[in-house]
PDB file of N, CA and C in Angstrom:
ATOM      1  N   MET A   1     -26.087  -6.571   7.542  1.00  0.00           N
ATOM      2  CA  MET A   1     -25.358  -5.324   7.296  1.00  0.00           C
ATOM      3  C   MET A   1     -25.023  -5.237   5.799  1.00  0.00           C
ATOM      4  N   PRO A   2     -25.480  -4.203   5.112  1.00  0.00           N
ATOM      5  CA  PRO A   2     -25.171  -4.087   3.679  1.00  0.00           C
ATOM      6  C   PRO A   2     -23.715  -3.698   3.449  1.00  0.00           C
ATOM      7  N   LYS A   3     -23.281  -3.934   2.229  1.00  0.00           N
ATOM      8  CA  LYS A   3     -21.919  -3.545   1.864  1.00  0.00           C
ATOM      9  C   LYS A   3     -21.794  -2.034   1.891  1.00  0.00           C
ATOM     10  N   MET A   4     -20.604  -1.552   2.221  1.00  0.00           N
ATOM     11  CA  MET A   4     -20.345  -0.107   2.180  1.00  0.00           C
ATOM     12  C   MET A   4     -20.048   0.289   0.742  1.00  0.00           C
ATOM     13  N   LYS A   5     -20.488   1.472   0.353  1.00  0.00           N
ATOM     14  CA  LYS A   5     -20.240   1.936  -1.005  1.00  0.00           C
ATOM     15  C   LYS A   5     -18.993   2.799  -1.044  1.00  0.00           C
ATOM     16  N   THR A   6     -18.190   2.586  -2.076  1.00  0.00           N
ATOM     17  CA  THR A   6     -17.008   3.407  -2.318  1.00  0.00           C
ATOM     18  C   THR A   6     -17.446   4.672  -3.036  1.00  0.00           C
ATOM     19  N   LYS A   7     -16.905   5.818  -2.624  1.00  0.00           N
ATOM     20  CA  LYS A   7     -17.152   7.071  -3.346  1.00  0.00           C
ATOM     21  C   LYS A   7     -16.307   7.027  -4.616  1.00  0.00           C
ATOM     22  N   ARG A   8     -16.959   6.912  -5.777  1.00  0.00           N
ATOM     23  CA  ARG A   8     -16.264   6.685  -7.038  1.00  0.00           C
ATOM     24  C   ARG A   8     -15.356   7.847  -7.415  1.00  0.00           C
ATOM     25  N   ALA A   9     -15.736   9.068  -7.080  1.00  0.00           N
ATOM     26  CA  ALA A   9     -14.901  10.230  -7.403  1.00  0.00           C
ATOM     27  C   ALA A   9     -13.551  10.132  -6.699  1.00  0.00           C
ATOM     28  N   ALA A  10     -13.567   9.688  -5.459  1.00  0.00           N
ATOM     29  CA  ALA A  10     -12.324   9.543  -4.694  1.00  0.00           C
ATOM     30  C   ALA A  10     -11.503   8.359  -5.201  1.00  0.00           C
ATOM     31  N   ALA A  11     -12.184   7.275  -5.588  1.00  0.00           N
ATOM     32  CA  ALA A  11     -11.487   6.078  -6.068  1.00  0.00           C
ATOM     33  C   ALA A  11     -10.710   6.364  -7.342  1.00  0.00           C
ATOM     34  N   LYS A  12     -11.224   7.282  -8.173  1.00  0.00           N
ATOM     35  CA  LYS A  12     -10.540   7.628  -9.414  1.00  0.00           C
ATOM     36  C   LYS A  12      -9.326   8.521  -9.174  1.00  0.00           C
ATOM     37  N   ARG A  13      -9.307   9.204  -8.049  1.00  0.00           N
ATOM     38  CA  ARG A  13      -8.246  10.179  -7.785  1.00  0.00           C
ATOM     39  C   ARG A  13      -7.119   9.677  -6.898  1.00  0.00           C
ATOM     40  N   PHE A  14      -7.352   8.624  -6.148  1.00  0.00           N
ATOM     41  CA  PHE A  14      -6.356   8.138  -5.195  1.00  0.00           C
ATOM     42  C   PHE A  14      -6.012   6.680  -5.440  1.00  0.00           C
ATOM     43  N   GLN A  15      -4.753   6.339  -5.161  1.00  0.00           N
ATOM     44  CA  GLN A  15      -4.295   4.948  -5.173  1.00  0.00           C
ATOM     45  C   GLN A  15      -3.604   4.695  -3.844  1.00  0.00           C
ATOM     46  N   VAL A  16      -3.640   3.470  -3.389  1.00  0.00           N
ATOM     47  CA  VAL A  16      -2.983   3.123  -2.131  1.00  0.00           C
ATOM     48  C   VAL A  16      -1.627   2.506  -2.442  1.00  0.00           C
ATOM     49  N   THR A  17      -0.596   2.978  -1.758  1.00  0.00           N
ATOM     50  CA  THR A  17       0.750   2.436  -1.945  1.00  0.00           C
ATOM     51  C   THR A  17       0.877   1.135  -1.144  1.00  0.00           C
ATOM     52  N   GLY A  18       1.992   0.479  -1.280  1.00  0.00           N
ATOM     53  CA  GLY A  18       2.231  -0.764  -0.556  1.00  0.00           C
ATOM     54  C   GLY A  18       2.260  -0.598   0.947  1.00  0.00           C
ATOM     55  N   THR A  19       2.664   0.592   1.400  1.00  0.00           N
ATOM     56  CA  THR A  19       2.732   0.858   2.839  1.00  0.00           C
ATOM     57  C   THR A  19       1.422   1.414   3.387  1.00  0.00           C
ATOM     58  N   GLY A  20       0.408   1.551   2.511  1.00  0.00           N
ATOM     59  CA  GLY A  20      -0.904   1.994   2.971  1.00  0.00           C
ATOM     60  C   GLY A  20      -1.148   3.488   2.883  1.00  0.00           C
ATOM     61  N   LYS A  21      -0.194   4.229   2.311  1.00  0.00           N
ATOM     62  CA  LYS A  21      -0.392   5.675   2.154  1.00  0.00           C
ATOM     63  C   LYS A  21      -1.172   5.940   0.869  1.00  0.00           C
ATOM     64  N   LEU A  22      -1.785   7.105   0.781  1.00  0.00           N
ATOM     65  CA  LEU A  22      -2.571   7.462  -0.402  1.00  0.00           C
ATOM     66  C   LEU A  22      -1.731   8.284  -1.362  1.00  0.00           C
ATOM     67  N   LYS A  23      -1.718   7.855  -2.608  1.00  0.00           N
ATOM     68  CA  LYS A  23      -0.966   8.542  -3.655  1.00  0.00           C
ATOM     69  C   LYS A  23      -1.948   9.360  -4.492  1.00  0.00           C
ATOM     70  N   ARG A  24      -1.572  10.583  -4.833  1.00  0.00           N
ATOM     71  CA  ARG A  24      -2.433  11.447  -5.635  1.00  0.00           C
ATOM     72  C   ARG A  24      -1.607  12.208  -6.652  1.00  0.00           C
ATOM     73  N   MET A  25      -2.285  12.710  -7.692  1.00  0.00           N
ATOM     74  CA  MET A  25      -1.615  13.561  -8.667  1.00  0.00           C
ATOM     75  C   MET A  25      -1.761  15.021  -8.220  1.00  0.00           C
ATOM     76  N   LYS A  26      -0.822  15.856  -8.647  1.00  0.00           N
ATOM     77  CA  LYS A  26      -0.860  17.272  -8.269  1.00  0.00           C
ATOM     78  C   LYS A  26      -1.870  18.043  -9.114  1.00  0.00           C
ATOM     79  N   ALA A  27      -2.370  19.120  -8.543  1.00  0.00           N
ATOM     80  CA  ALA A  27      -3.361  19.962  -9.226  1.00  0.00           C
ATOM     81  C   ALA A  27      -2.662  21.021 -10.080  1.00  0.00           C
ATOM     82  N   TYR A  28      -3.444  21.844 -10.765  1.00  0.00           N
ATOM     83  CA  TYR A  28      -2.981  22.996 -11.570  1.00  0.00           C
ATOM     84  C   TYR A  28      -2.237  22.594 -12.839  1.00  0.00           C
ATOM     85  N   LYS A  29      -2.564  21.444 -13.417  1.00  0.00           N
ATOM     86  CA  LYS A  29      -1.882  21.002 -14.625  1.00  0.00           C
ATOM     87  C   LYS A  29      -2.836  20.886 -15.816  1.00  0.00           C
ATOM     88  N   SER A  30      -4.096  21.336 -15.670  1.00  0.00           N
ATOM     89  CA  SER A  30      -5.082  21.083 -16.718  1.00  0.00           C
ATOM     90  C   SER A  30      -5.155  22.181 -17.780  1.00  0.00           C
ATOM     91  N   HIS A  31      -5.105  23.442 -17.389  1.00  0.00           N
ATOM     92  CA  HIS A  31      -5.211  24.522 -18.383  1.00  0.00           C
ATOM     93  C   HIS A  31      -4.520  25.777 -17.864  1.00  0.00           C
ATOM     94  N   ILE A  32      -4.469  26.806 -18.698  1.00  0.00           N
ATOM     95  CA  ILE A  32      -3.717  28.052 -18.445  1.00  0.00           C
ATOM     96  C   ILE A  32      -2.259  27.710 -18.128  1.00  0.00           C
ATOM     97  N   LEU A  33      -1.636  26.963 -19.032  1.00  0.00           N
ATOM     98  CA  LEU A  33      -0.267  26.506 -18.806  1.00  0.00           C
ATOM     99  C   LEU A  33       0.769  27.463 -19.389  1.00  0.00           C
ATOM    100  N   THR A  34       0.328  28.452 -20.170  1.00  0.00           N
ATOM    101  CA  THR A  34       1.279  29.351 -20.835  1.00  0.00           C
ATOM    102  C   THR A  34       2.034  30.216 -19.838  1.00  0.00           C
ATOM    103  N   LYS A  35       1.386  30.602 -18.758  1.00  0.00           N
ATOM    104  CA  LYS A  35       2.054  31.469 -17.778  1.00  0.00           C
ATOM    105  C   LYS A  35       2.887  30.690 -16.760  1.00  0.00           C
ATOM    106  N   LYS A  36       2.812  29.371 -16.798  1.00  0.00           N
ATOM    107  CA  LYS A  36       3.593  28.553 -15.873  1.00  0.00           C
ATOM    108  C   LYS A  36       4.935  28.197 -16.510  1.00  0.00           C
ATOM    109  N   THR A  37       5.972  28.172 -15.692  1.00  0.00           N
ATOM    110  CA  THR A  37       7.312  27.900 -16.208  1.00  0.00           C
ATOM    111  C   THR A  37       7.461  26.420 -16.553  1.00  0.00           C
ATOM    112  N   ARG A  38       8.460  26.135 -17.350  1.00  0.00           N
ATOM    113  CA  ARG A  38       8.752  24.755 -17.743  1.00  0.00           C
ATOM    114  C   ARG A  38       9.024  23.898 -16.512  1.00  0.00           C
ATOM    115  N   LYS A  39       9.809  24.454 -15.605  1.00  0.00           N
ATOM    116  CA  LYS A  39      10.171  23.738 -14.381  1.00  0.00           C
ATOM    117  C   LYS A  39       8.937  23.448 -13.533  1.00  0.00           C
ATOM    118  N   ASN A  40       8.067  24.420 -13.430  1.00  0.00           N
ATOM    119  CA  ASN A  40       6.840  24.274 -12.645  1.00  0.00           C
ATOM    120  C   ASN A  40       5.960  23.160 -13.210  1.00  0.00           C
ATOM    121  N   LYS A  41       5.769  23.158 -14.530  1.00  0.00           N
ATOM    122  CA  LYS A  41       4.939  22.142 -15.183  1.00  0.00           C
ATOM    123  C   LYS A  41       5.557  20.755 -15.058  1.00  0.00           C
ATOM    124  N   ARG A  42       6.867  20.680 -15.127  1.00  0.00           N
ATOM    125  CA  ARG A  42       7.571  19.409 -14.998  1.00  0.00           C
ATOM    126  C   ARG A  42       7.357  18.827 -13.598  1.00  0.00           C
ATOM    127  N   ASN A  43       7.408  19.684 -12.582  1.00  0.00           N
ATOM    128  CA  ASN A  43       7.217  19.222 -11.204  1.00  0.00           C
ATOM    129  C   ASN A  43       5.770  18.812 -10.918  1.00  0.00           C
ATOM    130  N   LEU A  44       4.823  19.359 -11.679  1.00  0.00           N
ATOM    131  CA  LEU A  44       3.414  19.004 -11.490  1.00  0.00           C
ATOM    132  C   LEU A  44       3.079  17.623 -12.055  1.00  0.00           C
ATOM    133  N   ARG A  45       3.957  17.070 -12.892  1.00  0.00           N
ATOM    134  CA  ARG A  45       3.725  15.740 -13.470  1.00  0.00           C
ATOM    135  C   ARG A  45       3.800  14.633 -12.429  1.00  0.00           C
ATOM    136  N   LYS A  46       4.667  14.821 -11.447  1.00  0.00           N
ATOM    137  CA  LYS A  46       4.950  13.746 -10.495  1.00  0.00           C
ATOM    138  C   LYS A  46       3.793  13.534  -9.518  1.00  0.00           C
ATOM    139  N   ALA A  47       3.560  12.295  -9.168  1.00  0.00           N
ATOM    140  CA  ALA A  47       2.573  11.972  -8.132  1.00  0.00           C
ATOM    141  C   ALA A  47       3.192  12.266  -6.768  1.00  0.00           C
ATOM    142  N   THR A  48       2.346  12.461  -5.782  1.00  0.00           N
ATOM    143  CA  THR A  48       2.817  12.737  -4.434  1.00  0.00           C
ATOM    144  C   THR A  48       1.933  12.004  -3.432  1.00  0.00           C
ATOM    145  N   ILE A  49       2.353  11.995  -2.194  1.00  0.00           N
ATOM    146  CA  ILE A  49       1.594  11.336  -1.131  1.00  0.00           C
ATOM    147  C   ILE A  49       0.612  12.346  -0.526  1.00  0.00           C
ATOM    148  N   ALA A  50      -0.623  11.919  -0.319  1.00  0.00           N
ATOM    149  CA  ALA A  50      -1.633  12.787   0.290  1.00  0.00           C
ATOM    150  C   ALA A  50      -1.253  13.064   1.744  1.00  0.00           C
ATOM    151  N   ASP A  51      -1.615  14.247   2.208  1.00  0.00           N
ATOM    152  CA  ASP A  51      -1.322  14.660   3.581  1.00  0.00           C
ATOM    153  C   ASP A  51      -2.025  13.716   4.565  1.00  0.00           C
ATOM    154  N   PRO A  52      -1.353  13.334   5.645  1.00  0.00           N
ATOM    155  CA  PRO A  52      -1.953  12.376   6.597  1.00  0.00           C
ATOM    156  C   PRO A  52      -3.282  12.844   7.192  1.00  0.00           C
ATOM    157  N   THR A  53      -3.457  14.161   7.362  1.00  0.00           N
ATOM    158  CA  THR A  53      -4.717  14.665   7.917  1.00  0.00           C
ATOM    159  C   THR A  53      -5.871  14.422   6.954  1.00  0.00           C
ATOM    160  N   ASN A  54      -5.615  14.524   5.636  1.00  0.00           N
ATOM    161  CA  ASN A  54      -6.645  14.241   4.640  1.00  0.00           C
ATOM    162  C   ASN A  54      -6.802  12.746   4.426  1.00  0.00           C
ATOM    163  N   ALA A  55      -5.735  12.006   4.566  1.00  0.00           N
ATOM    164  CA  ALA A  55      -5.745  10.568   4.303  1.00  0.00           C
ATOM    165  C   ALA A  55      -6.706   9.838   5.236  1.00  0.00           C
ATOM    166  N   LYS A  56      -6.830  10.318   6.456  1.00  0.00           N
ATOM    167  CA  LYS A  56      -7.719   9.696   7.434  1.00  0.00           C
ATOM    168  C   LYS A  56      -9.173   9.727   6.937  1.00  0.00           C
ATOM    169  N   VAL A  57      -9.592  10.877   6.396  1.00  0.00           N
ATOM    170  CA  VAL A  57     -10.950  11.028   5.869  1.00  0.00           C
ATOM    171  C   VAL A  57     -11.120  10.214   4.584  1.00  0.00           C
ATOM    172  N   MET A  58     -10.100  10.221   3.725  1.00  0.00           N
ATOM    173  CA  MET A  58     -10.163   9.513   2.465  1.00  0.00           C
ATOM    174  C   MET A  58     -10.310   8.012   2.656  1.00  0.00           C
ATOM    175  N   LYS A  59      -9.640   7.466   3.631  1.00  0.00           N
ATOM    176  CA  LYS A  59      -9.728   6.032   3.899  1.00  0.00           C
ATOM    177  C   LYS A  59     -11.124   5.637   4.345  1.00  0.00           C
ATOM    178  N   LYS A  60     -11.851   6.588   4.969  1.00  0.00           N
ATOM    179  CA  LYS A  60     -13.218   6.336   5.404  1.00  0.00           C
ATOM    180  C   LYS A  60     -14.167   6.224   4.211  1.00  0.00           C
ATOM    181  N   ILE A  61     -13.928   7.063   3.175  1.00  0.00           N
ATOM    182  CA  ILE A  61     -14.817   7.029   2.009  1.00  0.00           C
ATOM    183  C   ILE A  61     -14.329   6.052   0.940  1.00  0.00           C
ATOM    184  N   LEU A  62     -13.167   5.443   1.185  1.00  0.00           N
ATOM    185  CA  LEU A  62     -12.640   4.384   0.314  1.00  0.00           C
ATOM    186  C   LEU A  62     -12.471   3.109   1.152  1.00  0.00           C
ATOM    187  N   PRO A  63     -13.574   2.485   1.537  1.00  0.00           N
ATOM    188  CA  PRO A  63     -13.475   1.380   2.511  1.00  0.00           C
ATOM    189  C   PRO A  63     -12.736   0.146   2.005  1.00  0.00           C
ATOM    190  N   TYR A  64     -12.682  -0.085   0.699  1.00  0.00           N
ATOM    191  CA  TYR A  64     -12.075  -1.314   0.186  1.00  0.00           C
ATOM    192  C   TYR A  64     -10.718  -1.100  -0.451  1.00  0.00           C
ATOM    193  N   MET A  65     -10.089   0.022  -0.200  1.00  0.00           N
ATOM    194  CA  MET A  65      -8.770   0.277  -0.779  1.00  0.00           C
ATOM    195  C   MET A  65      -7.679  -0.155   0.167  1.00  0.00           C
TER     196      MET A  65
END
């Protein structure tokens, strides 16, 4: 049985926490920031936990995380 390959795009975007949940950064922080409020941009800095429905699929494509 060959080794399973990790999807590199997903590996760069997700980290696994100590409890096994997937941590991700929020979207909408790359460009067109002038129309976004200071508060909105500040809240986009923080990492968040991926939704459990998506996490199930992500764990499949990240076999060694």
